[in-house]
């Protein structure tokens, strides 16, 4: 179950990072859309060169940071 949660978080972060970054997800109205309705900032197009690898690496980094945070809070 823990592995399933981790995979789900990874896939969600990859989608969020790639989708919101392409659509200007840090500012104004789009930022609120992404925050409250994640599917509204999903990007359906192809990746730019290196973007997929960046998103996957960023998701790994964020997951490791969260795991460390959870371990410290126990």
PDB file of N, CA and C in Angstrom:
ATOM      1  N   UNK A   1       0.831  -1.202   0.000  1.00  0.00           N
ATOM      2  CA  UNK A   1       0.000   0.000   0.000  1.00  0.00           C
ATOM      3  C   UNK A   1       0.868   1.255   0.000  1.00  0.00           C
ATOM      4  N   UNK A   2       1.958   1.220   0.790  1.00  0.00           N
ATOM      5  CA  UNK A   2       2.855   2.369   0.859  1.00  0.00           C
ATOM      6  C   UNK A   2       3.479   2.632  -0.510  1.00  0.00           C
ATOM      7  N   UNK A   3       3.865   1.565  -1.207  1.00  0.00           N
ATOM      8  CA  UNK A   3       4.451   1.705  -2.543  1.00  0.00           C
ATOM      9  C   UNK A   3       3.443   2.293  -3.515  1.00  0.00           C
ATOM     10  N   UNK A   4       2.188   1.878  -3.415  1.00  0.00           N
ATOM     11  CA  UNK A   4       1.145   2.412  -4.286  1.00  0.00           C
ATOM     12  C   UNK A   4       0.974   3.911  -4.054  1.00  0.00           C
ATOM     13  N   UNK A   5       0.972   4.326  -2.806  1.00  0.00           N
ATOM     14  CA  UNK A   5       0.851   5.752  -2.487  1.00  0.00           C
ATOM     15  C   UNK A   5       2.017   6.540  -3.061  1.00  0.00           C
ATOM     16  N   UNK A   6       3.217   5.974  -2.932  1.00  0.00           N
ATOM     17  CA  UNK A   6       4.407   6.645  -3.433  1.00  0.00           C
ATOM     18  C   UNK A   6       4.350   6.801  -4.950  1.00  0.00           C
ATOM     19  N   UNK A   7       3.930   5.759  -5.651  1.00  0.00           N
ATOM     20  CA  UNK A   7       3.814   5.824  -7.109  1.00  0.00           C
ATOM     21  C   UNK A   7       2.756   6.846  -7.521  1.00  0.00           C
ATOM     22  N   UNK A   8       1.662   6.874  -6.816  1.00  0.00           N
ATOM     23  CA  UNK A   8       0.605   7.835  -7.113  1.00  0.00           C
ATOM     24  C   UNK A   8       1.073   9.263  -6.914  1.00  0.00           C
ATOM     25  N   UNK A   9       1.826   9.486  -5.845  1.00  0.00           N
ATOM     26  CA  UNK A   9       2.358  10.827  -5.583  1.00  0.00           C
ATOM     27  C   UNK A   9       3.328  11.219  -6.682  1.00  0.00           C
ATOM     28  N   UNK A  10       4.190  10.287  -7.085  1.00  0.00           N
ATOM     29  CA  UNK A  10       5.164  10.567  -8.144  1.00  0.00           C
ATOM     30  C   UNK A  10       4.471  10.938  -9.437  1.00  0.00           C
ATOM     31  N   UNK A  11       3.510  10.142  -9.851  1.00  0.00           N
ATOM     32  CA  UNK A  11       2.805  10.428 -11.100  1.00  0.00           C
ATOM     33  C   UNK A  11       2.043  11.743 -11.016  1.00  0.00           C
ATOM     34  N   UNK A  12       1.434  11.992  -9.873  1.00  0.00           N
ATOM     35  CA  UNK A  12       0.709  13.250  -9.689  1.00  0.00           C
ATOM     36  C   UNK A  12       1.633  14.452  -9.760  1.00  0.00           C
ATOM     37  N   UNK A  13       2.811  14.333  -9.145  1.00  0.00           N
ATOM     38  CA  UNK A  13       3.757  15.443  -9.178  1.00  0.00           C
ATOM     39  C   UNK A  13       4.308  15.673 -10.578  1.00  0.00           C
ATOM     40  N   UNK A  14       4.591  14.587 -11.282  1.00  0.00           N
ATOM     41  CA  UNK A  14       5.068  14.733 -12.661  1.00  0.00           C
ATOM     42  C   UNK A  14       4.031  15.469 -13.488  1.00  0.00           C
ATOM     43  N   UNK A  15       2.784  15.072 -13.367  1.00  0.00           N
ATOM     44  CA  UNK A  15       1.718  15.720 -14.132  1.00  0.00           C
ATOM     45  C   UNK A  15       1.564  17.175 -13.717  1.00  0.00           C
ATOM     46  N   UNK A  16       1.609  17.427 -12.418  1.00  0.00           N
ATOM     47  CA  UNK A  16       1.442  18.797 -11.927  1.00  0.00           C
ATOM     48  C   UNK A  16       2.594  19.694 -12.355  1.00  0.00           C
ATOM     49  N   UNK A  17       3.819  19.201 -12.196  1.00  0.00           N
ATOM     50  CA  UNK A  17       4.990  20.003 -12.561  1.00  0.00           C
ATOM     51  C   UNK A  17       4.982  20.292 -14.051  1.00  0.00           C
ATOM     52  N   UNK A  18       4.758  19.269 -14.853  1.00  0.00           N
ATOM     53  CA  UNK A  18       4.808  19.497 -16.300  1.00  0.00           C
ATOM     54  C   UNK A  18       3.604  20.306 -16.774  1.00  0.00           C
ATOM     55  N   UNK A  19       2.444  20.038 -16.262  1.00  0.00           N
ATOM     56  CA  UNK A  19       1.244  20.745 -16.709  1.00  0.00           C
ATOM     57  C   UNK A  19       1.218  22.195 -16.290  1.00  0.00           C
ATOM     58  N   UNK A  20       1.435  22.470 -15.051  1.00  0.00           N
ATOM     59  CA  UNK A  20       1.352  23.850 -14.569  1.00  0.00           C
ATOM     60  C   UNK A  20       2.512  24.694 -15.049  1.00  0.00           C
ATOM     61  N   UNK A  21       3.694  24.108 -15.180  1.00  0.00           N
ATOM     62  CA  UNK A  21       4.823  24.914 -15.638  1.00  0.00           C
ATOM     63  C   UNK A  21       4.625  25.355 -17.079  1.00  0.00           C
ATOM     64  N   UNK A  22       4.025  24.524 -17.891  1.00  0.00           N
ATOM     65  CA  UNK A  22       3.798  24.878 -19.288  1.00  0.00           C
ATOM     66  C   UNK A  22       2.698  25.916 -19.443  1.00  0.00           C
ATOM     67  N   UNK A  23       1.802  25.974 -18.502  1.00  0.00           N
ATOM     68  CA  UNK A  23       0.657  26.867 -18.636  1.00  0.00           C
ATOM     69  C   UNK A  23       0.791  28.112 -17.761  1.00  0.00           C
ATOM     70  N   UNK A  24       1.976  28.384 -17.249  1.00  0.00           N
ATOM     71  CA  UNK A  24       2.172  29.568 -16.405  1.00  0.00           C
ATOM     72  C   UNK A  24       1.520  29.403 -15.062  1.00  0.00           C
ATOM     73  N   UNK A  25       1.618  28.210 -14.463  1.00  0.00           N
ATOM     74  CA  UNK A  25       0.901  27.883 -13.246  1.00  0.00           C
ATOM     75  C   UNK A  25       1.316  28.631 -12.006  1.00  0.00           C
ATOM     76  N   UNK A  26       2.209  29.592 -12.086  1.00  0.00           N
ATOM     77  CA  UNK A  26       2.629  30.272 -10.882  1.00  0.00           C
ATOM     78  C   UNK A  26       1.964  31.614 -10.673  1.00  0.00           C
ATOM     79  N   UNK A  27       1.149  32.055 -11.594  1.00  0.00           N
ATOM     80  CA  UNK A  27       0.630  33.405 -11.501  1.00  0.00           C
ATOM     81  C   UNK A  27      -0.870  33.454 -11.758  1.00  0.00           C
ATOM     82  N   UNK A  28      -1.501  34.411 -11.112  1.00  0.00           N
ATOM     83  CA  UNK A  28      -2.870  34.784 -11.417  1.00  0.00           C
ATOM     84  C   UNK A  28      -3.898  33.689 -11.387  1.00  0.00           C
ATOM     85  N   UNK A  29      -4.818  33.794 -12.302  1.00  0.00           N
ATOM     86  CA  UNK A  29      -5.980  32.902 -12.341  1.00  0.00           C
ATOM     87  C   UNK A  29      -5.589  31.445 -12.566  1.00  0.00           C
ATOM     88  N   UNK A  30      -4.617  31.179 -13.421  1.00  0.00           N
ATOM     89  CA  UNK A  30      -4.198  29.797 -13.696  1.00  0.00           C
ATOM     90  C   UNK A  30      -3.670  29.134 -12.436  1.00  0.00           C
ATOM     91  N   UNK A  31      -2.959  29.886 -11.612  1.00  0.00           N
ATOM     92  CA  UNK A  31      -2.444  29.349 -10.365  1.00  0.00           C
ATOM     93  C   UNK A  31      -3.583  28.856  -9.479  1.00  0.00           C
ATOM     94  N   UNK A  32      -4.652  29.627  -9.394  1.00  0.00           N
ATOM     95  CA  UNK A  32      -5.796  29.211  -8.594  1.00  0.00           C
ATOM     96  C   UNK A  32      -6.464  27.986  -9.187  1.00  0.00           C
ATOM     97  N   UNK A  33      -6.549  27.914 -10.518  1.00  0.00           N
ATOM     98  CA  UNK A  33      -7.119  26.732 -11.164  1.00  0.00           C
ATOM     99  C   UNK A  33      -6.331  25.483 -10.791  1.00  0.00           C
ATOM    100  N   UNK A  34      -5.009  25.579 -10.864  1.00  0.00           N
ATOM    101  CA  UNK A  34      -4.156  24.426 -10.544  1.00  0.00           C
ATOM    102  C   UNK A  34      -4.280  24.046  -9.073  1.00  0.00           C
ATOM    103  N   UNK A  35      -4.387  25.027  -8.238  1.00  0.00           N
ATOM    104  CA  UNK A  35      -4.448  24.759  -6.800  1.00  0.00           C
ATOM    105  C   UNK A  35      -5.745  24.041  -6.423  1.00  0.00           C
ATOM    106  N   UNK A  36      -6.852  24.447  -7.005  1.00  0.00           N
ATOM    107  CA  UNK A  36      -8.146  23.913  -6.593  1.00  0.00           C
ATOM    108  C   UNK A  36      -8.688  22.825  -7.506  1.00  0.00           C
ATOM    109  N   UNK A  37      -8.230  22.766  -8.736  1.00  0.00           N
ATOM    110  CA  UNK A  37      -8.703  21.764  -9.686  1.00  0.00           C
ATOM    111  C   UNK A  37      -7.518  21.330 -10.537  1.00  0.00           C
ATOM    112  N   UNK A  38      -6.771  20.357 -10.036  1.00  0.00           N
ATOM    113  CA  UNK A  38      -5.528  19.959 -10.698  1.00  0.00           C
ATOM    114  C   UNK A  38      -5.722  19.537 -12.143  1.00  0.00           C
ATOM    115  N   UNK A  39      -6.861  18.939 -12.455  1.00  0.00           N
ATOM    116  CA  UNK A  39      -7.075  18.494 -13.837  1.00  0.00           C
ATOM    117  C   UNK A  39      -7.158  19.672 -14.799  1.00  0.00           C
ATOM    118  N   UNK A  40      -7.442  20.861 -14.309  1.00  0.00           N
ATOM    119  CA  UNK A  40      -7.532  22.020 -15.193  1.00  0.00           C
ATOM    120  C   UNK A  40      -6.165  22.490 -15.673  1.00  0.00           C
ATOM    121  N   UNK A  41      -5.086  22.032 -15.055  1.00  0.00           N
ATOM    122  CA  UNK A  41      -3.751  22.444 -15.497  1.00  0.00           C
ATOM    123  C   UNK A  41      -2.970  21.280 -16.104  1.00  0.00           C
ATOM    124  N   UNK A  42      -3.668  20.228 -16.465  1.00  0.00           N
ATOM    125  CA  UNK A  42      -3.024  19.095 -17.122  1.00  0.00           C
ATOM    126  C   UNK A  42      -2.724  19.462 -18.569  1.00  0.00           C
ATOM    127  N   UNK A  43      -1.537  19.139 -19.005  1.00  0.00           N
ATOM    128  CA  UNK A  43      -1.115  19.433 -20.368  1.00  0.00           C
ATOM    129  C   UNK A  43      -1.191  18.153 -21.186  1.00  0.00           C
ATOM    130  N   UNK A  44      -1.859  18.194 -22.308  1.00  0.00           N
ATOM    131  CA  UNK A  44      -2.081  17.000 -23.126  1.00  0.00           C
ATOM    132  C   UNK A  44      -1.095  16.872 -24.286  1.00  0.00           C
ATOM    133  N   UNK A  45      -0.232  17.844 -24.502  1.00  0.00           N
ATOM    134  CA  UNK A  45       0.684  17.820 -25.632  1.00  0.00           C
ATOM    135  C   UNK A  45       1.938  17.003 -25.346  1.00  0.00           C
ATOM    136  N   UNK A  46       2.872  17.071 -26.275  1.00  0.00           N
ATOM    137  CA  UNK A  46       4.123  16.332 -26.108  1.00  0.00           C
ATOM    138  C   UNK A  46       5.097  17.132 -25.244  1.00  0.00           C
ATOM    139  N   UNK A  47       6.101  16.408 -24.720  1.00  0.00           N
ATOM    140  CA  UNK A  47       7.129  17.048 -23.906  1.00  0.00           C
ATOM    141  C   UNK A  47       8.148  17.759 -24.792  1.00  0.00           C
ATOM    142  N   UNK A  48       8.712  18.827 -24.272  1.00  0.00           N
ATOM    143  CA  UNK A  48       9.843  19.461 -24.930  1.00  0.00           C
ATOM    144  C   UNK A  48      11.098  18.660 -24.576  1.00  0.00           C
ATOM    145  N   UNK A  49      12.183  18.906 -25.282  1.00  0.00           N
ATOM    146  CA  UNK A  49      13.421  18.185 -25.049  1.00  0.00           C
ATOM    147  C   UNK A  49      13.864  18.330 -23.587  1.00  0.00           C
ATOM    148  N   UNK A  50      14.064  17.217 -22.914  1.00  0.00           N
ATOM    149  CA  UNK A  50      14.541  17.213 -21.534  1.00  0.00           C
ATOM    150  C   UNK A  50      13.475  17.456 -20.482  1.00  0.00           C
ATOM    151  N   UNK A  51      12.273  17.807 -20.888  1.00  0.00           N
ATOM    152  CA  UNK A  51      11.238  18.155 -19.914  1.00  0.00           C
ATOM    153  C   UNK A  51      10.768  16.951 -19.109  1.00  0.00           C
ATOM    154  N   UNK A  52      10.573  15.824 -19.775  1.00  0.00           N
ATOM    155  CA  UNK A  52      10.104  14.625 -19.077  1.00  0.00           C
ATOM    156  C   UNK A  52      11.113  14.191 -18.016  1.00  0.00           C
ATOM    157  N   UNK A  53      12.388  14.176 -18.366  1.00  0.00           N
ATOM    158  CA  UNK A  53      13.426  13.785 -17.418  1.00  0.00           C
ATOM    159  C   UNK A  53      13.472  14.744 -16.233  1.00  0.00           C
ATOM    160  N   UNK A  54      13.331  16.033 -16.518  1.00  0.00           N
ATOM    161  CA  UNK A  54      13.317  17.027 -15.442  1.00  0.00           C
ATOM    162  C   UNK A  54      12.141  16.775 -14.491  1.00  0.00           C
ATOM    163  N   UNK A  55      10.977  16.555 -15.055  1.00  0.00           N
ATOM    164  CA  UNK A  55       9.781  16.344 -14.228  1.00  0.00           C
ATOM    165  C   UNK A  55       9.924  15.088 -13.376  1.00  0.00           C
ATOM    166  N   UNK A  56      10.453  14.025 -13.956  1.00  0.00           N
ATOM    167  CA  UNK A  56      10.629  12.788 -13.190  1.00  0.00           C
ATOM    168  C   UNK A  56      11.666  12.962 -12.085  1.00  0.00           C
ATOM    169  N   UNK A  57      12.756  13.643 -12.382  1.00  0.00           N
ATOM    170  CA  UNK A  57      13.787  13.888 -11.372  1.00  0.00           C
ATOM    171  C   UNK A  57      13.252  14.790 -10.258  1.00  0.00           C
ATOM    172  N   UNK A  58      12.505  15.802 -10.622  1.00  0.00           N
ATOM    173  CA  UNK A  58      11.917  16.697  -9.616  1.00  0.00           C
ATOM    174  C   UNK A  58      10.929  15.938  -8.735  1.00  0.00           C
ATOM    175  N   UNK A  59      10.141  15.054  -9.314  1.00  0.00           N
ATOM    176  CA  UNK A  59       9.205  14.250  -8.536  1.00  0.00           C
ATOM    177  C   UNK A  59       9.959  13.344  -7.562  1.00  0.00           C
ATOM    178  N   UNK A  60      11.063  12.743  -8.025  1.00  0.00           N
ATOM    179  CA  UNK A  60      11.883  11.914  -7.126  1.00  0.00           C
ATOM    180  C   UNK A  60      12.439  12.746  -5.976  1.00  0.00           C
ATOM    181  N   UNK A  61      12.947  13.928  -6.299  1.00  0.00           N
ATOM    182  CA  UNK A  61      13.510  14.796  -5.273  1.00  0.00           C
ATOM    183  C   UNK A  61      12.456  15.205  -4.236  1.00  0.00           C
ATOM    184  N   UNK A  62      11.281  15.576  -4.716  1.00  0.00           N
ATOM    185  CA  UNK A  62      10.206  15.968  -3.801  1.00  0.00           C
ATOM    186  C   UNK A  62       9.740  14.792  -2.948  1.00  0.00           C
ATOM    187  N   UNK A  63       9.665  13.604  -3.538  1.00  0.00           N
ATOM    188  CA  UNK A  63       9.272  12.425  -2.766  1.00  0.00           C
ATOM    189  C   UNK A  63      10.294  12.111  -1.686  1.00  0.00           C
ATOM    190  N   UNK A  64      11.586  12.213  -2.017  1.00  0.00           N
ATOM    191  CA  UNK A  64      12.624  11.961  -1.014  1.00  0.00           C
ATOM    192  C   UNK A  64      12.563  12.990   0.113  1.00  0.00           C
ATOM    193  N   UNK A  65      12.340  14.231  -0.240  1.00  0.00           N
ATOM    194  CA  UNK A  65      12.226  15.273   0.788  1.00  0.00           C
ATOM    195  C   UNK A  65      11.030  15.011   1.698  1.00  0.00           C
ATOM    196  N   UNK A  66       9.925  14.603   1.112  1.00  0.00           N
ATOM    197  CA  UNK A  66       8.729  14.309   1.911  1.00  0.00           C
ATOM    198  C   UNK A  66       8.948  13.090   2.803  1.00  0.00           C
ATOM    199  N   UNK A  67       9.608  12.065   2.279  1.00  0.00           N
ATOM    200  CA  UNK A  67       9.922  10.891   3.097  1.00  0.00           C
ATOM    201  C   UNK A  67      10.781  11.279   4.295  1.00  0.00           C
ATOM    202  N   UNK A  68      11.785  12.120   4.054  1.00  0.00           N
ATOM    203  CA  UNK A  68      12.626  12.588   5.150  1.00  0.00           C
ATOM    204  C   UNK A  68      11.828  13.366   6.170  1.00  0.00           C
ATOM    205  N   UNK A  69      10.945  14.216   5.703  1.00  0.00           N
ATOM    206  CA  UNK A  69      10.101  14.996   6.609  1.00  0.00           C
ATOM    207  C   UNK A  69       9.219  14.086   7.445  1.00  0.00           C
ATOM    208  N   UNK A  70       8.628  13.072   6.809  1.00  0.00           N
ATOM    209  CA  UNK A  70       7.764  12.140   7.534  1.00  0.00           C
ATOM    210  C   UNK A  70       8.547  11.335   8.559  1.00  0.00           C
ATOM    211  N   UNK A  71       9.753  10.915   8.209  1.00  0.00           N
ATOM    212  CA  UNK A  71      10.589  10.167   9.165  1.00  0.00           C
ATOM    213  C   UNK A  71      10.943  11.013  10.383  1.00  0.00           C
ATOM    214  N   UNK A  72      11.267  12.289  10.128  1.00  0.00           N
ATOM    215  CA  UNK A  72      11.633  13.182  11.237  1.00  0.00           C
ATOM    216  C   UNK A  72      10.451  13.480  12.158  1.00  0.00           C
ATOM    217  N   UNK A  73       9.246  13.442  11.614  1.00  0.00           N
ATOM    218  CA  UNK A  73       8.074  13.799  12.421  1.00  0.00           C
ATOM    219  C   UNK A  73       7.578  12.649  13.287  1.00  0.00           C
ATOM    220  N   UNK A  74       8.111  11.467  13.099  1.00  0.00           N
ATOM    221  CA  UNK A  74       7.661  10.305  13.916  1.00  0.00           C
ATOM    222  C   UNK A  74       8.216  10.289  15.269  1.00  0.00           C
TER     223      UNK A  74
END
